[in-house]
C-alpha cells in the first residue's frame, strides 16, 4: 500500500516528461540540467500556468480537472493506456471514452464488408 504522502501523480508526470526529446518539439536541447522537457515547456504545451503545473508535480496543486489532464496527456504525447493511468492517478477514475470520427472505412471493416 503506497504511503499517503507519496505523490504518485507528480512522480508519473516527472517520469513521462523526462522521456521526451526537447529537440522534437523545437526546444533547445543544449545545457539542460535534467533530461527531457522542462516543467515550463510542458505547461506551455498544455496551456496551463508553469506555477500550477509545478505544483501538480510537487503534490500541491490540488485535484486537476479532466480537461487539464487531457491537455497534459496531449502535451506529453501519452498513449491511451498512459492517459488512462494519468486519470486514475489524478482523479481516481478513468477518462471518459473518446470516440474518433472517421471519414473512411478501416481496412478491417472493408474486408468484412467485402465478405458480405
PDB file of N, CA and C in Angstrom:
ATOM      1  N   UNK A   1       0.851  -1.177   0.000  1.00  0.00           N
ATOM      2  CA  UNK A   1       0.000   0.000   0.000  1.00  0.00           C
ATOM      3  C   UNK A   1       0.896   1.239   0.000  1.00  0.00           C
ATOM      4  N   UNK A   2       0.667   2.181  -0.947  1.00  0.00           N
ATOM      5  CA  UNK A   2       1.542   3.348  -1.026  1.00  0.00           C
ATOM      6  C   UNK A   2       1.377   4.268   0.183  1.00  0.00           C
ATOM      7  N   UNK A   3       2.451   4.909   0.542  1.00  0.00           N
ATOM      8  CA  UNK A   3       2.443   5.901   1.608  1.00  0.00           C
ATOM      9  C   UNK A   3       1.532   7.053   1.188  1.00  0.00           C
ATOM     10  N   UNK A   4       0.656   7.528   2.104  1.00  0.00           N
ATOM     11  CA  UNK A   4      -0.293   8.577   1.727  1.00  0.00           C
ATOM     12  C   UNK A   4       0.395   9.880   1.373  1.00  0.00           C
ATOM     13  N   UNK A   5       1.636  10.069   1.813  1.00  0.00           N
ATOM     14  CA  UNK A   5       2.382  11.280   1.476  1.00  0.00           C
ATOM     15  C   UNK A   5       3.072  11.168   0.118  1.00  0.00           C
ATOM     16  N   UNK A   6       3.059   9.975  -0.447  1.00  0.00           N
ATOM     17  CA  UNK A   6       3.719   9.768  -1.731  1.00  0.00           C
ATOM     18  C   UNK A   6       2.889  10.416  -2.839  1.00  0.00           C
ATOM     19  N   UNK A   7       3.536  11.207  -3.667  1.00  0.00           N
ATOM     20  CA  UNK A   7       2.858  11.926  -4.746  1.00  0.00           C
ATOM     21  C   UNK A   7       2.991  11.108  -6.036  1.00  0.00           C
ATOM     22  N   UNK A   8       2.087  10.174  -6.243  1.00  0.00           N
ATOM     23  CA  UNK A   8       2.154   9.297  -7.410  1.00  0.00           C
ATOM     24  C   UNK A   8       1.922  10.058  -8.712  1.00  0.00           C
ATOM     25  N   UNK A   9       0.986  11.018  -8.692  1.00  0.00           N
ATOM     26  CA  UNK A   9       0.736  11.815  -9.896  1.00  0.00           C
ATOM     27  C   UNK A   9       1.981  12.602 -10.288  1.00  0.00           C
ATOM     28  N   UNK A  10       2.602  13.264  -9.322  1.00  0.00           N
ATOM     29  CA  UNK A  10       3.804  14.040  -9.606  1.00  0.00           C
ATOM     30  C   UNK A  10       4.942  13.178 -10.128  1.00  0.00           C
ATOM     31  N   UNK A  11       5.117  12.013  -9.527  1.00  0.00           N
ATOM     32  CA  UNK A  11       6.178  11.102  -9.970  1.00  0.00           C
ATOM     33  C   UNK A  11       5.921  10.645 -11.406  1.00  0.00           C
ATOM     34  N   UNK A  12       4.655  10.367 -11.716  1.00  0.00           N
ATOM     35  CA  UNK A  12       4.316   9.925 -13.071  1.00  0.00           C
ATOM     36  C   UNK A  12       4.541  11.045 -14.083  1.00  0.00           C
ATOM     37  N   UNK A  13       4.124  12.260 -13.753  1.00  0.00           N
ATOM     38  CA  UNK A  13       4.328  13.390 -14.654  1.00  0.00           C
ATOM     39  C   UNK A  13       5.812  13.626 -14.906  1.00  0.00           C
ATOM     40  N   UNK A  14       6.617  13.586 -13.836  1.00  0.00           N
ATOM     41  CA  UNK A  14       8.072  13.769 -13.992  1.00  0.00           C
ATOM     42  C   UNK A  14       8.668  12.677 -14.882  1.00  0.00           C
ATOM     43  N   UNK A  15       8.251  11.435 -14.653  1.00  0.00           N
ATOM     44  CA  UNK A  15       8.777  10.321 -15.441  1.00  0.00           C
ATOM     45  C   UNK A  15       8.464  10.491 -16.921  1.00  0.00           C
ATOM     46  N   UNK A  16       7.231  10.819 -17.232  1.00  0.00           N
ATOM     47  CA  UNK A  16       6.838  10.994 -18.634  1.00  0.00           C
ATOM     48  C   UNK A  16       7.566  12.178 -19.258  1.00  0.00           C
ATOM     49  N   UNK A  17       7.711  13.252 -18.512  1.00  0.00           N
ATOM     50  CA  UNK A  17       8.365  14.471 -19.014  1.00  0.00           C
ATOM     51  C   UNK A  17       9.822  14.221 -19.361  1.00  0.00           C
ATOM     52  N   UNK A  18      10.515  13.431 -18.540  1.00  0.00           N
ATOM     53  CA  UNK A  18      11.944  13.206 -18.776  1.00  0.00           C
ATOM     54  C   UNK A  18      12.205  12.295 -19.970  1.00  0.00           C
ATOM     55  N   UNK A  19      11.188  11.610 -20.446  1.00  0.00           N
ATOM     56  CA  UNK A  19      11.370  10.688 -21.575  1.00  0.00           C
ATOM     57  C   UNK A  19      11.201  11.358 -22.938  1.00  0.00           C
ATOM     58  N   UNK A  20      10.851  12.644 -22.948  1.00  0.00           N
ATOM     59  CA  UNK A  20      10.622  13.340 -24.213  1.00  0.00           C
ATOM     60  C   UNK A  20      11.858  14.110 -24.652  1.00  0.00           C
ATOM     61  N   UNK A  21      12.083  14.133 -25.955  1.00  0.00           N
ATOM     62  CA  UNK A  21      13.232  14.832 -26.538  1.00  0.00           C
ATOM     63  C   UNK A  21      12.843  16.282 -26.831  1.00  0.00           C
ATOM     64  N   UNK A  22      13.490  17.240 -26.170  1.00  0.00           N
ATOM     65  CA  UNK A  22      13.151  18.655 -26.377  1.00  0.00           C
ATOM     66  C   UNK A  22      13.288  19.093 -27.840  1.00  0.00           C
ATOM     67  N   UNK A  23      14.276  18.575 -28.539  1.00  0.00           N
ATOM     68  CA  UNK A  23      14.501  18.965 -29.929  1.00  0.00           C
ATOM     69  C   UNK A  23      13.321  18.579 -30.819  1.00  0.00           C
ATOM     70  N   UNK A  24      12.629  17.499 -30.477  1.00  0.00           N
ATOM     71  CA  UNK A  24      11.479  17.059 -31.266  1.00  0.00           C
ATOM     72  C   UNK A  24      10.333  18.069 -31.205  1.00  0.00           C
ATOM     73  N   UNK A  25      10.338  18.932 -30.186  1.00  0.00           N
ATOM     74  CA  UNK A  25       9.297  19.940 -30.021  1.00  0.00           C
ATOM     75  C   UNK A  25       9.789  21.337 -30.370  1.00  0.00           C
ATOM     76  N   UNK A  26      11.016  21.431 -30.887  1.00  0.00           N
ATOM     77  CA  UNK A  26      11.563  22.725 -31.267  1.00  0.00           C
ATOM     78  C   UNK A  26      12.198  23.488 -30.127  1.00  0.00           C
ATOM     79  N   UNK A  27      12.444  22.830 -28.991  1.00  0.00           N
ATOM     80  CA  UNK A  27      13.103  23.478 -27.860  1.00  0.00           C
ATOM     81  C   UNK A  27      14.598  23.195 -27.917  1.00  0.00           C
ATOM     82  N   UNK A  28      15.375  24.122 -27.411  1.00  0.00           N
ATOM     83  CA  UNK A  28      16.823  23.929 -27.321  1.00  0.00           C
ATOM     84  C   UNK A  28      17.112  22.707 -26.455  1.00  0.00           C
ATOM     85  N   UNK A  29      18.019  21.867 -26.895  1.00  0.00           N
ATOM     86  CA  UNK A  29      18.340  20.678 -26.103  1.00  0.00           C
ATOM     87  C   UNK A  29      19.725  20.778 -25.473  1.00  0.00           C
ATOM     88  N   UNK A  30      20.367  21.924 -25.630  1.00  0.00           N
ATOM     89  CA  UNK A  30      21.697  22.092 -25.045  1.00  0.00           C
ATOM     90  C   UNK A  30      21.583  22.664 -23.637  1.00  0.00           C
ATOM     91  N   UNK A  31      22.556  22.374 -22.819  1.00  0.00           N
ATOM     92  CA  UNK A  31      22.686  22.931 -21.477  1.00  0.00           C
ATOM     93  C   UNK A  31      21.460  22.689 -20.598  1.00  0.00           C
ATOM     94  N   UNK A  32      21.053  21.455 -20.494  1.00  0.00           N
ATOM     95  CA  UNK A  32      19.933  21.096 -19.632  1.00  0.00           C
ATOM     96  C   UNK A  32      20.454  20.343 -18.427  1.00  0.00           C
ATOM     97  N   UNK A  33      19.926  20.688 -17.265  1.00  0.00           N
ATOM     98  CA  UNK A  33      20.344  20.007 -16.037  1.00  0.00           C
ATOM     99  C   UNK A  33      19.693  18.641 -15.901  1.00  0.00           C
ATOM    100  N   UNK A  34      18.505  18.493 -16.463  1.00  0.00           N
ATOM    101  CA  UNK A  34      17.801  17.221 -16.393  1.00  0.00           C
ATOM    102  C   UNK A  34      17.375  16.808 -17.794  1.00  0.00           C
ATOM    103  N   UNK A  35      17.198  15.521 -18.007  1.00  0.00           N
ATOM    104  CA  UNK A  35      16.773  15.062 -19.342  1.00  0.00           C
ATOM    105  C   UNK A  35      15.310  15.413 -19.603  1.00  0.00           C
ATOM    106  N   UNK A  36      14.956  15.458 -20.862  1.00  0.00           N
ATOM    107  CA  UNK A  36      13.569  15.668 -21.247  1.00  0.00           C
ATOM    108  C   UNK A  36      13.145  17.119 -21.243  1.00  0.00           C
ATOM    109  N   UNK A  37      11.827  17.313 -21.246  1.00  0.00           N
ATOM    110  CA  UNK A  37      11.269  18.660 -21.253  1.00  0.00           C
ATOM    111  C   UNK A  37      11.320  19.276 -19.859  1.00  0.00           C
ATOM    112  N   UNK A  38      11.389  20.587 -19.815  1.00  0.00           N
ATOM    113  CA  UNK A  38      11.303  21.310 -18.554  1.00  0.00           C
ATOM    114  C   UNK A  38       9.824  21.440 -18.180  1.00  0.00           C
ATOM    115  N   UNK A  39       9.579  21.691 -16.914  1.00  0.00           N
ATOM    116  CA  UNK A  39       8.194  21.881 -16.457  1.00  0.00           C
ATOM    117  C   UNK A  39       7.512  23.002 -17.231  1.00  0.00           C
ATOM    118  N   UNK A  40       8.234  24.085 -17.449  1.00  0.00           N
ATOM    119  CA  UNK A  40       7.671  25.239 -18.149  1.00  0.00           C
ATOM    120  C   UNK A  40       7.268  24.874 -19.579  1.00  0.00           C
ATOM    121  N   UNK A  41       8.045  24.005 -20.207  1.00  0.00           N
ATOM    122  CA  UNK A  41       7.750  23.603 -21.580  1.00  0.00           C
ATOM    123  C   UNK A  41       6.492  22.731 -21.636  1.00  0.00           C
ATOM    124  N   UNK A  42       6.335  21.843 -20.672  1.00  0.00           N
ATOM    125  CA  UNK A  42       5.116  21.024 -20.617  1.00  0.00           C
ATOM    126  C   UNK A  42       3.915  21.924 -20.359  1.00  0.00           C
ATOM    127  N   UNK A  43       4.057  22.851 -19.421  1.00  0.00           N
ATOM    128  CA  UNK A  43       2.972  23.769 -19.103  1.00  0.00           C
ATOM    129  C   UNK A  43       2.570  24.581 -20.340  1.00  0.00           C
ATOM    130  N   UNK A  44       3.558  25.044 -21.085  1.00  0.00           N
ATOM    131  CA  UNK A  44       3.287  25.816 -22.303  1.00  0.00           C
ATOM    132  C   UNK A  44       2.530  24.957 -23.310  1.00  0.00           C
ATOM    133  N   UNK A  45       2.974  23.730 -23.510  1.00  0.00           N
ATOM    134  CA  UNK A  45       2.315  22.827 -24.461  1.00  0.00           C
ATOM    135  C   UNK A  45       0.891  22.473 -24.025  1.00  0.00           C
ATOM    136  N   UNK A  46       0.674  22.411 -22.696  1.00  0.00           N
ATOM    137  CA  UNK A  46      -0.647  22.048 -22.169  1.00  0.00           C
ATOM    138  C   UNK A  46      -1.539  23.263 -21.946  1.00  0.00           C
ATOM    139  N   UNK A  47      -0.993  24.448 -22.154  1.00  0.00           N
ATOM    140  CA  UNK A  47      -1.732  25.700 -21.967  1.00  0.00           C
ATOM    141  C   UNK A  47      -2.229  25.840 -20.523  1.00  0.00           C
ATOM    142  N   UNK A  48      -1.323  25.581 -19.581  1.00  0.00           N
ATOM    143  CA  UNK A  48      -1.581  25.821 -18.158  1.00  0.00           C
ATOM    144  C   UNK A  48      -0.417  26.645 -17.627  1.00  0.00           C
ATOM    145  N   UNK A  49      -0.595  27.261 -16.467  1.00  0.00           N
ATOM    146  CA  UNK A  49       0.500  28.067 -15.934  1.00  0.00           C
ATOM    147  C   UNK A  49       1.638  27.166 -15.453  1.00  0.00           C
ATOM    148  N   UNK A  50       2.845  27.664 -15.606  1.00  0.00           N
ATOM    149  CA  UNK A  50       4.018  26.902 -15.174  1.00  0.00           C
ATOM    150  C   UNK A  50       3.991  26.672 -13.669  1.00  0.00           C
ATOM    151  N   UNK A  51       3.502  27.659 -12.934  1.00  0.00           N
ATOM    152  CA  UNK A  51       3.412  27.518 -11.473  1.00  0.00           C
ATOM    153  C   UNK A  51       2.454  26.399 -11.104  1.00  0.00           C
ATOM    154  N   UNK A  52       1.297  26.374 -11.728  1.00  0.00           N
ATOM    155  CA  UNK A  52       0.305  25.351 -11.403  1.00  0.00           C
ATOM    156  C   UNK A  52       0.804  23.964 -11.784  1.00  0.00           C
ATOM    157  N   UNK A  53       1.449  23.844 -12.954  1.00  0.00           N
ATOM    158  CA  UNK A  53       1.998  22.546 -13.352  1.00  0.00           C
ATOM    159  C   UNK A  53       3.070  22.099 -12.357  1.00  0.00           C
ATOM    160  N   UNK A  54       3.915  23.018 -11.919  1.00  0.00           N
ATOM    161  CA  UNK A  54       4.941  22.702 -10.921  1.00  0.00           C
ATOM    162  C   UNK A  54       4.295  22.216  -9.638  1.00  0.00           C
ATOM    163  N   UNK A  55       3.235  22.879  -9.210  1.00  0.00           N
ATOM    164  CA  UNK A  55       2.518  22.454  -8.008  1.00  0.00           C
ATOM    165  C   UNK A  55       1.954  21.047  -8.173  1.00  0.00           C
ATOM    166  N   UNK A  56       1.430  20.740  -9.368  1.00  0.00           N
ATOM    167  CA  UNK A  56       0.915  19.389  -9.614  1.00  0.00           C
ATOM    168  C   UNK A  56       2.014  18.349  -9.415  1.00  0.00           C
ATOM    169  N   UNK A  57       3.180  18.629  -9.978  1.00  0.00           N
ATOM    170  CA  UNK A  57       4.296  17.690  -9.823  1.00  0.00           C
ATOM    171  C   UNK A  57       4.741  17.582  -8.369  1.00  0.00           C
ATOM    172  N   UNK A  58       4.596  18.660  -7.628  1.00  0.00           N
ATOM    173  CA  UNK A  58       5.018  18.668  -6.226  1.00  0.00           C
ATOM    174  C   UNK A  58       3.918  18.198  -5.278  1.00  0.00           C
ATOM    175  N   UNK A  59       2.727  17.916  -5.808  1.00  0.00           N
ATOM    176  CA  UNK A  59       1.634  17.458  -4.974  1.00  0.00           C
ATOM    177  C   UNK A  59       0.910  18.570  -4.240  1.00  0.00           C
ATOM    178  N   UNK A  60       1.079  19.816  -4.696  1.00  0.00           N
ATOM    179  CA  UNK A  60       0.443  20.957  -4.039  1.00  0.00           C
ATOM    180  C   UNK A  60      -0.679  21.560  -4.872  1.00  0.00           C
ATOM    181  N   UNK A  61      -0.907  21.063  -6.057  1.00  0.00           N
ATOM    182  CA  UNK A  61      -1.834  21.714  -6.977  1.00  0.00           C
ATOM    183  C   UNK A  61      -3.292  21.386  -6.776  1.00  0.00           C
ATOM    184  N   UNK A  62      -3.609  20.475  -5.874  1.00  0.00           N
ATOM    185  CA  UNK A  62      -4.998  20.065  -5.740  1.00  0.00           C
ATOM    186  C   UNK A  62      -5.369  19.121  -6.865  1.00  0.00           C
ATOM    187  N   UNK A  63      -6.634  18.785  -6.940  1.00  0.00           N
ATOM    188  CA  UNK A  63      -7.095  17.856  -7.975  1.00  0.00           C
ATOM    189  C   UNK A  63      -7.292  18.596  -9.291  1.00  0.00           C
ATOM    190  N   UNK A  64      -6.611  18.162 -10.338  1.00  0.00           N
ATOM    191  CA  UNK A  64      -6.793  18.805 -11.643  1.00  0.00           C
ATOM    192  C   UNK A  64      -8.119  18.377 -12.268  1.00  0.00           C
ATOM    193  N   UNK A  65      -8.624  19.180 -13.165  1.00  0.00           N
ATOM    194  CA  UNK A  65      -9.857  18.825 -13.875  1.00  0.00           C
ATOM    195  C   UNK A  65      -9.532  17.803 -14.966  1.00  0.00           C
ATOM    196  N   UNK A  66     -10.567  17.147 -15.460  1.00  0.00           N
ATOM    197  CA  UNK A  66     -10.391  16.190 -16.549  1.00  0.00           C
ATOM    198  C   UNK A  66      -9.865  16.895 -17.798  1.00  0.00           C
ATOM    199  N   UNK A  67     -10.322  18.127 -18.032  1.00  0.00           N
ATOM    200  CA  UNK A  67      -9.860  18.882 -19.202  1.00  0.00           C
ATOM    201  C   UNK A  67      -8.358  19.154 -19.122  1.00  0.00           C
ATOM    202  N   UNK A  68      -7.896  19.539 -17.943  1.00  0.00           N
ATOM    203  CA  UNK A  68      -6.465  19.815 -17.767  1.00  0.00           C
ATOM    204  C   UNK A  68      -5.653  18.532 -17.923  1.00  0.00           C
ATOM    205  N   UNK A  69      -6.124  17.439 -17.355  1.00  0.00           N
ATOM    206  CA  UNK A  69      -5.410  16.169 -17.512  1.00  0.00           C
ATOM    207  C   UNK A  69      -5.355  15.761 -18.977  1.00  0.00           C
ATOM    208  N   UNK A  70      -6.430  16.018 -19.700  1.00  0.00           N
ATOM    209  CA  UNK A  70      -6.439  15.692 -21.120  1.00  0.00           C
ATOM    210  C   UNK A  70      -5.413  16.535 -21.877  1.00  0.00           C
ATOM    211  N   UNK A  71      -5.320  17.828 -21.536  1.00  0.00           N
ATOM    212  CA  UNK A  71      -4.332  18.697 -22.193  1.00  0.00           C
ATOM    213  C   UNK A  71      -2.909  18.262 -21.840  1.00  0.00           C
ATOM    214  N   UNK A  72      -2.696  17.883 -20.591  1.00  0.00           N
ATOM    215  CA  UNK A  72      -1.369  17.420 -20.179  1.00  0.00           C
ATOM    216  C   UNK A  72      -1.031  16.120 -20.890  1.00  0.00           C
ATOM    217  N   UNK A  73      -2.001  15.243 -21.040  1.00  0.00           N
ATOM    218  CA  UNK A  73      -1.736  13.973 -21.728  1.00  0.00           C
ATOM    219  C   UNK A  73      -1.338  14.206 -23.184  1.00  0.00           C
ATOM    220  N   UNK A  74      -1.979  15.183 -23.827  1.00  0.00           N
ATOM    221  CA  UNK A  74      -1.588  15.514 -25.210  1.00  0.00           C
ATOM    222  C   UNK A  74      -0.215  16.168 -25.242  1.00  0.00           C
ATOM    223  N   UNK A  75       0.061  17.034 -24.267  1.00  0.00           N
ATOM    224  CA  UNK A  75       1.360  17.716 -24.214  1.00  0.00           C
ATOM    225  C   UNK A  75       2.498  16.723 -24.028  1.00  0.00           C
ATOM    226  N   UNK A  76       2.245  15.656 -23.285  1.00  0.00           N
ATOM    227  CA  UNK A  76       3.270  14.638 -23.023  1.00  0.00           C
ATOM    228  C   UNK A  76       3.233  13.489 -24.025  1.00  0.00           C
ATOM    229  N   UNK A  77       2.356  13.590 -25.023  1.00  0.00           N
ATOM    230  CA  UNK A  77       2.199  12.565 -26.063  1.00  0.00           C
ATOM    231  C   UNK A  77       1.933  11.184 -25.463  1.00  0.00           C
ATOM    232  N   UNK A  78       1.036  11.123 -24.493  1.00  0.00           N
ATOM    233  CA  UNK A  78       0.733   9.857 -23.834  1.00  0.00           C
ATOM    234  C   UNK A  78      -0.106   8.962 -24.740  1.00  0.00           C
ATOM    235  N   UNK A  79       0.128   7.666 -24.635  1.00  0.00           N
ATOM    236  CA  UNK A  79      -0.716   6.694 -25.323  1.00  0.00           C
ATOM    237  C   UNK A  79      -2.052   6.620 -24.584  1.00  0.00           C
ATOM    238  N   UNK A  80      -3.013   5.907 -25.131  1.00  0.00           N
ATOM    239  CA  UNK A  80      -4.313   5.773 -24.462  1.00  0.00           C
ATOM    240  C   UNK A  80      -4.165   5.102 -23.092  1.00  0.00           C
ATOM    241  N   UNK A  81      -3.306   4.104 -23.000  1.00  0.00           N
ATOM    242  CA  UNK A  81      -3.086   3.417 -21.723  1.00  0.00           C
ATOM    243  C   UNK A  81      -2.428   4.359 -20.716  1.00  0.00           C
ATOM    244  N   UNK A  82      -1.437   5.125 -21.162  1.00  0.00           N
ATOM    245  CA  UNK A  82      -0.770   6.087 -20.277  1.00  0.00           C
ATOM    246  C   UNK A  82      -1.739   7.188 -19.853  1.00  0.00           C
ATOM    247  N   UNK A  83      -2.595   7.613 -20.763  1.00  0.00           N
ATOM    248  CA  UNK A  83      -3.605   8.636 -20.459  1.00  0.00           C
ATOM    249  C   UNK A  83      -4.566   8.119 -19.390  1.00  0.00           C
ATOM    250  N   UNK A  84      -5.004   6.885 -19.543  1.00  0.00           N
ATOM    251  CA  UNK A  84      -5.902   6.299 -18.551  1.00  0.00           C
ATOM    252  C   UNK A  84      -5.227   6.238 -17.184  1.00  0.00           C
ATOM    253  N   UNK A  85      -3.954   5.860 -17.153  1.00  0.00           N
ATOM    254  CA  UNK A  85      -3.208   5.813 -15.896  1.00  0.00           C
ATOM    255  C   UNK A  85      -3.113   7.203 -15.269  1.00  0.00           C
ATOM    256  N   UNK A  86      -2.876   8.212 -16.093  1.00  0.00           N
ATOM    257  CA  UNK A  86      -2.818   9.595 -15.609  1.00  0.00           C
ATOM    258  C   UNK A  86      -4.135   9.988 -14.939  1.00  0.00           C
ATOM    259  N   UNK A  87      -5.260   9.646 -15.562  1.00  0.00           N
ATOM    260  CA  UNK A  87      -6.565   9.964 -14.990  1.00  0.00           C
ATOM    261  C   UNK A  87      -6.800   9.204 -13.690  1.00  0.00           C
ATOM    262  N   UNK A  88      -6.390   7.957 -13.638  1.00  0.00           N
ATOM    263  CA  UNK A  88      -6.553   7.180 -12.407  1.00  0.00           C
ATOM    264  C   UNK A  88      -5.755   7.802 -11.271  1.00  0.00           C
ATOM    265  N   UNK A  89      -4.546   8.273 -11.570  1.00  0.00           N
ATOM    266  CA  UNK A  89      -3.736   8.921 -10.539  1.00  0.00           C
ATOM    267  C   UNK A  89      -4.286  10.285 -10.156  1.00  0.00           C
ATOM    268  N   UNK A  90      -4.727  11.061 -11.142  1.00  0.00           N
ATOM    269  CA  UNK A  90      -5.158  12.434 -10.892  1.00  0.00           C
ATOM    270  C   UNK A  90      -6.571  12.572 -10.366  1.00  0.00           C
ATOM    271  N   UNK A  91      -7.475  11.708 -10.843  1.00  0.00           N
ATOM    272  CA  UNK A  91      -8.884  11.834 -10.468  1.00  0.00           C
ATOM    273  C   UNK A  91      -9.451  10.595  -9.780  1.00  0.00           C
ATOM    274  N   UNK A  92      -8.706   9.506  -9.807  1.00  0.00           N
ATOM    275  CA  UNK A  92      -9.195   8.276  -9.196  1.00  0.00           C
ATOM    276  C   UNK A  92     -10.208   7.540 -10.048  1.00  0.00           C
ATOM    277  N   UNK A  93     -10.296   7.916 -11.312  1.00  0.00           N
ATOM    278  CA  UNK A  93     -11.225   7.264 -12.240  1.00  0.00           C
ATOM    279  C   UNK A  93     -10.649   7.339 -13.652  1.00  0.00           C
ATOM    280  N   UNK A  94     -11.077   6.424 -14.525  1.00  0.00           N
ATOM    281  CA  UNK A  94     -10.601   6.501 -15.914  1.00  0.00           C
ATOM    282  C   UNK A  94     -11.244   7.675 -16.634  1.00  0.00           C
ATOM    283  N   UNK A  95     -10.649   8.103 -17.740  1.00  0.00           N
ATOM    284  CA  UNK A  95     -11.225   9.213 -18.506  1.00  0.00           C
ATOM    285  C   UNK A  95     -12.488   8.774 -19.227  1.00  0.00           C
ATOM    286  N   UNK A  96     -13.279   9.764 -19.631  1.00  0.00           N
ATOM    287  CA  UNK A  96     -14.439   9.478 -20.465  1.00  0.00           C
ATOM    288  C   UNK A  96     -13.929   8.875 -21.773  1.00  0.00           C
ATOM    289  N   UNK A  97     -14.730   8.025 -22.353  1.00  0.00           N
ATOM    290  CA  UNK A  97     -14.349   7.384 -23.611  1.00  0.00           C
ATOM    291  C   UNK A  97     -14.323   8.431 -24.712  1.00  0.00           C
ATOM    292  N   UNK A  98     -13.234   8.421 -25.484  1.00  0.00           N
ATOM    293  CA  UNK A  98     -13.118   9.342 -26.622  1.00  0.00           C
ATOM    294  C   UNK A  98     -13.425   8.576 -27.894  1.00  0.00           C
ATOM    295  N   UNK A  99     -14.373   9.073 -28.627  1.00  0.00           N
ATOM    296  CA  UNK A  99     -14.679   8.475 -29.916  1.00  0.00           C
ATOM    297  C   UNK A  99     -14.021   9.310 -30.994  1.00  0.00           C
ATOM    298  N   UNK A 100     -13.411   8.615 -31.930  1.00  0.00           N
ATOM    299  CA  UNK A 100     -12.761   9.309 -33.036  1.00  0.00           C
ATOM    300  C   UNK A 100     -13.628   9.166 -34.274  1.00  0.00           C
ATOM    301  N   UNK A 101     -14.079  10.285 -34.769  1.00  0.00           N
ATOM    302  CA  UNK A 101     -14.865  10.267 -36.002  1.00  0.00           C
ATOM    303  C   UNK A 101     -13.926   9.985 -37.170  1.00  0.00           C
ATOM    304  N   UNK A 102     -14.337   9.074 -37.980  1.00  0.00           N
ATOM    305  CA  UNK A 102     -13.514   8.727 -39.140  1.00  0.00           C
ATOM    306  C   UNK A 102     -14.336   8.912 -40.404  1.00  0.00           C
ATOM    307  N   UNK A 103     -13.711   9.488 -41.393  1.00  0.00           N
ATOM    308  CA  UNK A 103     -14.384   9.698 -42.670  1.00  0.00           C
ATOM    309  C   UNK A 103     -14.221   8.506 -43.599  1.00  0.00           C
ATOM    310  N   UNK A 104     -13.313   7.611 -43.236  1.00  0.00           N
ATOM    311  CA  UNK A 104     -13.025   6.486 -44.110  1.00  0.00           C
ATOM    312  C   UNK A 104     -13.340   5.179 -43.394  1.00  0.00           C
ATOM    313  N   UNK A 105     -13.457   4.149 -44.161  1.00  0.00           N
ATOM    314  CA  UNK A 105     -13.679   2.809 -43.635  1.00  0.00           C
ATOM    315  C   UNK A 105     -12.316   2.193 -43.354  1.00  0.00           C
ATOM    316  N   UNK A 106     -12.170   1.591 -42.175  1.00  0.00           N
ATOM    317  CA  UNK A 106     -10.894   0.961 -41.848  1.00  0.00           C
ATOM    318  C   UNK A 106     -10.701  -0.276 -42.726  1.00  0.00           C
ATOM    319  N   UNK A 107      -9.462  -0.673 -42.961  1.00  0.00           N
ATOM    320  CA  UNK A 107      -9.219  -1.870 -43.784  1.00  0.00           C
ATOM    321  C   UNK A 107      -9.913  -3.117 -43.217  1.00  0.00           C
ATOM    322  N   UNK A 108      -9.938  -3.233 -41.908  1.00  0.00           N
ATOM    323  CA  UNK A 108     -10.577  -4.400 -41.287  1.00  0.00           C
ATOM    324  C   UNK A 108     -12.084  -4.419 -41.591  1.00  0.00           C
ATOM    325  N   UNK A 109     -12.744  -3.270 -41.449  1.00  0.00           N
ATOM    326  CA  UNK A 109     -14.164  -3.181 -41.732  1.00  0.00           C
ATOM    327  C   UNK A 109     -14.409  -3.415 -43.214  1.00  0.00           C
ATOM    328  N   UNK A 110     -13.541  -2.921 -44.074  1.00  0.00           N
ATOM    329  CA  UNK A 110     -13.721  -3.108 -45.515  1.00  0.00           C
ATOM    330  C   UNK A 110     -13.661  -4.585 -45.870  1.00  0.00           C
ATOM    331  N   UNK A 111     -12.760  -5.342 -45.238  1.00  0.00           N
ATOM    332  CA  UNK A 111     -12.687  -6.802 -45.510  1.00  0.00           C
ATOM    333  C   UNK A 111     -13.983  -7.477 -45.108  1.00  0.00           C
ATOM    334  N   UNK A 112     -14.548  -7.066 -43.981  1.00  0.00           N
ATOM    335  CA  UNK A 112     -15.822  -7.662 -43.540  1.00  0.00           C
ATOM    336  C   UNK A 112     -16.934  -7.336 -44.526  1.00  0.00           C
ATOM    337  N   UNK A 113     -16.965  -6.096 -44.976  1.00  0.00           N
ATOM    338  CA  UNK A 113     -17.977  -5.690 -45.957  1.00  0.00           C
ATOM    339  C   UNK A 113     -17.809  -6.432 -47.257  1.00  0.00           C
ATOM    340  N   UNK A 114     -16.565  -6.633 -47.666  1.00  0.00           N
ATOM    341  CA  UNK A 114     -16.310  -7.365 -48.911  1.00  0.00           C
ATOM    342  C   UNK A 114     -16.796  -8.800 -48.822  1.00  0.00           C
ATOM    343  N   UNK A 115     -16.625  -9.415 -47.652  1.00  0.00           N
ATOM    344  CA  UNK A 115     -17.069 -10.804 -47.466  1.00  0.00           C
ATOM    345  C   UNK A 115     -18.594 -10.892 -47.538  1.00  0.00           C
ATOM    346  N   UNK A 116     -19.263  -9.895 -46.991  1.00  0.00           N
ATOM    347  CA  UNK A 116     -20.731  -9.897 -47.026  1.00  0.00           C
ATOM    348  C   UNK A 116     -21.226  -9.720 -48.436  1.00  0.00           C
TER     349      UNK A 116
END
